[in-house]
Amino acid sequence: MRNPVQNIYIKKVEKKKMFGYEKDELWNTVTKTYPNVSQFWKYGKTEFLKQPVYSREYPPCKFCE
């Protein structure tokens, strides 16, 4: 559906020394990779499209009157 299929990276900021730097710096380090993620995540296209569209009415607000 013209959206990219790509890897998704979960990152964490860590203070560490990297090659070429003299002191500790903050770096984004990858903790987990989800390969080949499509717009439908782990669902099939037809299963995903059967669900209602996300909007102000769905899912219903539990705290609104």
Protein backbone atom coordinates (compact mmCIF):
# COMPACT_ATOMS: atom_id res chain seq x y z
CA MET A 1 0.00 0.00 0.00
CA ARG A 2 2.97 2.25 -0.85
CA ASN A 3 4.36 2.37 2.67
CA PRO A 4 7.92 1.13 3.29
CA VAL A 5 8.76 -2.22 4.79
CA GLN A 6 11.74 -1.51 7.00
CA ASN A 7 13.55 -2.45 10.19
CA ILE A 8 12.41 -0.78 13.41
CA TYR A 9 15.06 -0.12 16.06
CA ILE A 10 14.45 0.24 19.80
CA LYS A 11 17.21 2.46 21.14
CA LYS A 12 18.53 3.50 24.52
CA VAL A 13 20.70 6.52 25.36
CA GLU A 14 23.89 5.46 27.09
CA LYS A 15 26.91 7.40 28.29
CA LYS A 16 30.03 5.67 27.00
CA LYS A 17 33.32 6.20 25.24
CA MET A 18 33.31 5.51 21.51
CA PHE A 19 36.25 5.04 19.18
CA GLY A 20 37.82 8.39 18.27
CA TYR A 21 36.39 10.32 21.24
CA GLU A 22 38.42 11.19 24.32
CA LYS A 23 35.68 11.28 26.95
CA ASP A 24 32.32 9.66 27.70
CA GLU A 25 29.47 11.00 25.56
CA LEU A 26 25.78 10.22 25.17
CA TRP A 27 25.07 7.75 22.35
CA ASN A 28 21.97 6.05 20.99
CA THR A 29 22.56 2.31 21.16
CA VAL A 30 20.28 -0.27 19.60
CA THR A 31 18.77 -2.68 22.14
CA LYS A 32 16.39 -4.56 19.82
CA THR A 33 15.66 -4.76 16.10
CA TYR A 34 12.34 -5.75 14.56
CA PRO A 35 13.15 -6.75 10.96
CA ASN A 36 10.92 -6.10 7.93
CA VAL A 37 8.04 -4.29 9.66
CA SER A 38 5.17 -3.26 7.40
CA GLN A 39 2.35 -0.85 8.09
CA PHE A 40 0.25 -3.76 9.33
CA TRP A 41 2.86 -4.82 11.95
CA LYS A 42 2.28 -8.49 12.79
CA TYR A 43 -1.25 -8.70 11.34
CA GLY A 44 -2.26 -9.71 7.85
CA LYS A 45 -3.58 -6.99 5.55
CA THR A 46 -7.19 -8.22 5.50
CA GLU A 47 -7.27 -8.84 9.26
CA PHE A 48 -5.91 -5.36 9.97
CA LEU A 49 -8.30 -3.59 7.60
CA LYS A 50 -11.33 -5.28 9.23
CA GLN A 51 -10.75 -3.23 12.39
CA PRO A 52 -12.44 0.17 12.76
CA VAL A 53 -10.41 3.27 11.94
CA TYR A 54 -8.79 4.99 14.93
CA SER A 55 -10.70 8.20 15.66
CA ARG A 56 -12.14 10.31 18.49
CA GLU A 57 -15.01 7.85 18.83
CA TYR A 58 -12.93 4.66 18.64
CA PRO A 59 -11.68 3.37 20.94
CA PRO A 60 -14.29 4.86 23.26
CA CYS A 61 -12.98 7.17 26.00
CA LYS A 62 -13.50 5.62 29.45
CA PHE A 63 -13.11 8.96 31.23
CA CYS A 64 -15.17 11.23 28.95
CA GLU A 65 -18.80 12.11 29.51
